[in-house]
Amino acid sequence: MGRLSEFEIGQSGRVVAVEGHDPVGRRLLEMGLTQGCPVTLVGTAPLGDPLELEVRGYRLSVRRSEAARVEVESA
């Protein structure tokens, strides 16, 4: 297990948990990063932030600091 922010491009896994009960944690859940959801790191911006994810059949961009709140297990 690790953090979504530590994934390499092309790496996939499943969401284990999202940390925090603040607005950022709730927003990540609302965007589809819920427990058991498959997620793939598709790419990053030129300077490494934000990250582009594939979640539930769509593309999602999140900051690396937000991705660090998502605990994942590699597929």
N, C-alpha and C. Protein backbone atom coordinates (compact mmCIF):
# COMPACT_ATOMS: atom_id res chain seq x y z
N MET A 1 0.83 -1.18 0.00
CA MET A 1 0.00 0.00 0.00
C MET A 1 0.87 1.24 0.00
N GLY A 2 0.31 2.30 -0.51
CA GLY A 2 1.03 3.55 -0.57
C GLY A 2 0.09 4.70 -0.83
N ARG A 3 0.63 5.78 -1.30
CA ARG A 3 -0.14 6.99 -1.59
C ARG A 3 -0.26 7.18 -3.09
N LEU A 4 -1.36 7.71 -3.53
CA LEU A 4 -1.57 7.96 -4.94
C LEU A 4 -0.52 8.92 -5.50
N SER A 5 -0.04 9.82 -4.67
CA SER A 5 0.99 10.78 -5.10
C SER A 5 2.32 10.11 -5.42
N GLU A 6 2.51 8.87 -4.98
CA GLU A 6 3.76 8.13 -5.20
C GLU A 6 3.71 7.26 -6.45
N PHE A 7 2.56 7.18 -7.11
CA PHE A 7 2.41 6.34 -8.30
C PHE A 7 3.29 6.84 -9.43
N GLU A 8 3.72 5.92 -10.29
CA GLU A 8 4.44 6.24 -11.52
C GLU A 8 3.42 6.28 -12.65
N ILE A 9 3.72 6.98 -13.73
CA ILE A 9 2.81 7.05 -14.87
C ILE A 9 2.53 5.65 -15.39
N GLY A 10 1.24 5.34 -15.58
CA GLY A 10 0.82 4.03 -16.05
C GLY A 10 0.47 3.05 -14.94
N GLN A 11 0.82 3.38 -13.72
CA GLN A 11 0.56 2.49 -12.60
C GLN A 11 -0.91 2.56 -12.19
N SER A 12 -1.47 1.40 -11.86
CA SER A 12 -2.88 1.31 -11.46
C SER A 12 -3.00 0.75 -10.06
N GLY A 13 -4.14 0.99 -9.46
CA GLY A 13 -4.40 0.45 -8.13
C GLY A 13 -5.85 0.67 -7.75
N ARG A 14 -6.16 0.35 -6.50
CA ARG A 14 -7.51 0.55 -5.95
C ARG A 14 -7.41 1.44 -4.73
N VAL A 15 -8.40 2.32 -4.60
CA VAL A 15 -8.45 3.23 -3.47
C VAL A 15 -8.79 2.43 -2.21
N VAL A 16 -7.99 2.63 -1.17
CA VAL A 16 -8.24 1.99 0.13
C VAL A 16 -8.97 2.97 1.04
N ALA A 17 -8.52 4.21 1.07
CA ALA A 17 -9.13 5.22 1.94
C ALA A 17 -8.72 6.61 1.49
N VAL A 18 -9.56 7.59 1.85
CA VAL A 18 -9.25 9.00 1.64
C VAL A 18 -9.19 9.64 3.01
N GLU A 19 -8.05 10.27 3.33
CA GLU A 19 -7.87 10.88 4.65
C GLU A 19 -8.55 12.23 4.73
N GLY A 20 -9.07 12.55 5.89
CA GLY A 20 -9.58 13.87 6.17
C GLY A 20 -11.08 13.99 6.01
N HIS A 21 -11.69 14.69 6.94
CA HIS A 21 -13.12 14.96 6.90
C HIS A 21 -13.35 16.45 6.67
N ASP A 22 -12.39 17.09 6.03
CA ASP A 22 -12.47 18.51 5.71
C ASP A 22 -13.00 18.68 4.28
N PRO A 23 -13.16 19.89 3.80
CA PRO A 23 -13.68 20.10 2.44
C PRO A 23 -12.86 19.41 1.34
N VAL A 24 -11.55 19.35 1.48
CA VAL A 24 -10.73 18.70 0.46
C VAL A 24 -11.00 17.20 0.42
N GLY A 25 -11.05 16.55 1.58
CA GLY A 25 -11.35 15.13 1.65
C GLY A 25 -12.72 14.81 1.07
N ARG A 26 -13.70 15.64 1.39
CA ARG A 26 -15.05 15.44 0.85
C ARG A 26 -15.07 15.62 -0.66
N ARG A 27 -14.32 16.62 -1.15
CA ARG A 27 -14.29 16.87 -2.59
C ARG A 27 -13.68 15.69 -3.34
N LEU A 28 -12.62 15.09 -2.79
CA LEU A 28 -12.02 13.92 -3.43
C LEU A 28 -13.03 12.77 -3.50
N LEU A 29 -13.79 12.57 -2.45
CA LEU A 29 -14.83 11.53 -2.45
C LEU A 29 -15.91 11.84 -3.49
N GLU A 30 -16.32 13.10 -3.55
CA GLU A 30 -17.36 13.51 -4.50
C GLU A 30 -16.90 13.35 -5.95
N MET A 31 -15.59 13.45 -6.19
CA MET A 31 -15.06 13.30 -7.54
C MET A 31 -14.91 11.83 -7.92
N GLY A 32 -15.24 10.92 -7.03
CA GLY A 32 -15.25 9.50 -7.37
C GLY A 32 -14.15 8.67 -6.76
N LEU A 33 -13.27 9.25 -5.98
CA LEU A 33 -12.19 8.49 -5.35
C LEU A 33 -12.70 7.84 -4.06
N THR A 34 -13.54 6.83 -4.23
CA THR A 34 -14.13 6.14 -3.08
C THR A 34 -13.46 4.78 -2.88
N GLN A 35 -13.66 4.20 -1.73
CA GLN A 35 -13.04 2.93 -1.38
C GLN A 35 -13.37 1.86 -2.41
N GLY A 36 -12.31 1.17 -2.88
CA GLY A 36 -12.46 0.09 -3.84
C GLY A 36 -12.45 0.52 -5.30
N CYS A 37 -12.44 1.80 -5.55
CA CYS A 37 -12.49 2.33 -6.91
C CYS A 37 -11.13 2.14 -7.60
N PRO A 38 -11.11 1.59 -8.83
CA PRO A 38 -9.84 1.51 -9.57
C PRO A 38 -9.40 2.88 -10.05
N VAL A 39 -8.10 3.12 -10.02
CA VAL A 39 -7.54 4.40 -10.44
C VAL A 39 -6.20 4.15 -11.14
N THR A 40 -5.93 4.92 -12.20
CA THR A 40 -4.68 4.82 -12.95
C THR A 40 -4.09 6.22 -13.11
N LEU A 41 -2.79 6.34 -12.89
CA LEU A 41 -2.10 7.60 -13.13
C LEU A 41 -1.76 7.66 -14.61
N VAL A 42 -2.39 8.59 -15.33
CA VAL A 42 -2.24 8.70 -16.77
C VAL A 42 -1.06 9.60 -17.13
N GLY A 43 -0.87 10.67 -16.36
CA GLY A 43 0.22 11.58 -16.66
C GLY A 43 0.34 12.68 -15.63
N THR A 44 1.33 13.53 -15.84
CA THR A 44 1.54 14.67 -14.95
C THR A 44 1.80 15.91 -15.82
N ALA A 45 1.63 17.06 -15.23
CA ALA A 45 1.99 18.31 -15.91
C ALA A 45 3.52 18.37 -16.02
N PRO A 46 4.04 19.24 -16.88
CA PRO A 46 5.50 19.31 -17.07
C PRO A 46 6.31 19.47 -15.79
N LEU A 47 5.81 20.18 -14.80
CA LEU A 47 6.55 20.36 -13.56
C LEU A 47 6.15 19.35 -12.48
N GLY A 48 5.32 18.33 -12.87
CA GLY A 48 4.97 17.27 -11.94
C GLY A 48 3.72 17.51 -11.12
N ASP A 49 3.04 18.62 -11.34
CA ASP A 49 1.83 18.91 -10.57
C ASP A 49 0.92 19.77 -11.43
N PRO A 50 -0.30 19.42 -11.68
CA PRO A 50 -1.12 18.37 -11.09
C PRO A 50 -0.91 17.00 -11.76
N LEU A 51 -1.58 16.00 -11.19
CA LEU A 51 -1.57 14.64 -11.70
C LEU A 51 -2.85 14.41 -12.49
N GLU A 52 -2.76 13.66 -13.58
CA GLU A 52 -3.95 13.31 -14.36
C GLU A 52 -4.27 11.84 -14.09
N LEU A 53 -5.48 11.60 -13.60
CA LEU A 53 -5.91 10.26 -13.22
C LEU A 53 -7.04 9.79 -14.12
N GLU A 54 -7.15 8.48 -14.26
CA GLU A 54 -8.34 7.91 -14.88
C GLU A 54 -9.12 7.21 -13.79
N VAL A 55 -10.35 7.67 -13.58
CA VAL A 55 -11.22 7.17 -12.51
C VAL A 55 -12.61 6.98 -13.08
N ARG A 56 -13.16 5.79 -12.96
CA ARG A 56 -14.55 5.51 -13.38
C ARG A 56 -14.83 5.92 -14.83
N GLY A 57 -13.83 5.76 -15.70
CA GLY A 57 -14.02 6.03 -17.11
C GLY A 57 -13.85 7.49 -17.53
N TYR A 58 -13.40 8.35 -16.63
CA TYR A 58 -13.15 9.74 -17.00
C TYR A 58 -11.80 10.18 -16.47
N ARG A 59 -11.32 11.31 -16.98
CA ARG A 59 -10.03 11.87 -16.56
C ARG A 59 -10.24 12.92 -15.49
N LEU A 60 -9.38 12.90 -14.51
CA LEU A 60 -9.48 13.80 -13.36
C LEU A 60 -8.10 14.34 -13.05
N SER A 61 -8.00 15.64 -12.81
CA SER A 61 -6.73 16.25 -12.42
C SER A 61 -6.80 16.68 -10.97
N VAL A 62 -5.80 16.28 -10.20
CA VAL A 62 -5.72 16.66 -8.78
C VAL A 62 -4.30 17.10 -8.47
N ARG A 63 -4.17 17.94 -7.49
CA ARG A 63 -2.84 18.37 -7.03
C ARG A 63 -2.14 17.19 -6.35
N ARG A 64 -0.83 17.22 -6.40
CA ARG A 64 -0.06 16.16 -5.75
C ARG A 64 -0.35 16.13 -4.24
N SER A 65 -0.55 17.29 -3.62
CA SER A 65 -0.86 17.33 -2.18
C SER A 65 -2.21 16.68 -1.89
N GLU A 66 -3.16 16.79 -2.81
CA GLU A 66 -4.45 16.13 -2.63
C GLU A 66 -4.31 14.63 -2.83
N ALA A 67 -3.52 14.23 -3.83
CA ALA A 67 -3.31 12.81 -4.10
C ALA A 67 -2.60 12.12 -2.93
N ALA A 68 -1.82 12.88 -2.16
CA ALA A 68 -1.14 12.31 -0.99
C ALA A 68 -2.13 11.89 0.10
N ARG A 69 -3.36 12.37 0.03
CA ARG A 69 -4.39 12.01 1.01
C ARG A 69 -5.08 10.70 0.66
N VAL A 70 -4.81 10.17 -0.54
CA VAL A 70 -5.49 8.97 -1.03
C VAL A 70 -4.56 7.77 -0.85
N GLU A 71 -4.98 6.84 -0.01
CA GLU A 71 -4.23 5.61 0.22
C GLU A 71 -4.69 4.58 -0.79
N VAL A 72 -3.74 3.95 -1.47
CA VAL A 72 -4.08 2.98 -2.54
C VAL A 72 -3.26 1.72 -2.37
N GLU A 73 -3.80 0.63 -2.96
CA GLU A 73 -3.04 -0.62 -3.07
C GLU A 73 -2.80 -0.86 -4.54
N SER A 74 -1.59 -1.23 -4.90
CA SER A 74 -1.25 -1.45 -6.31
C SER A 74 -1.98 -2.66 -6.85
N ALA A 75 -2.30 -2.57 -8.14
CA ALA A 75 -3.00 -3.68 -8.80
C ALA A 75 -2.02 -4.73 -9.27
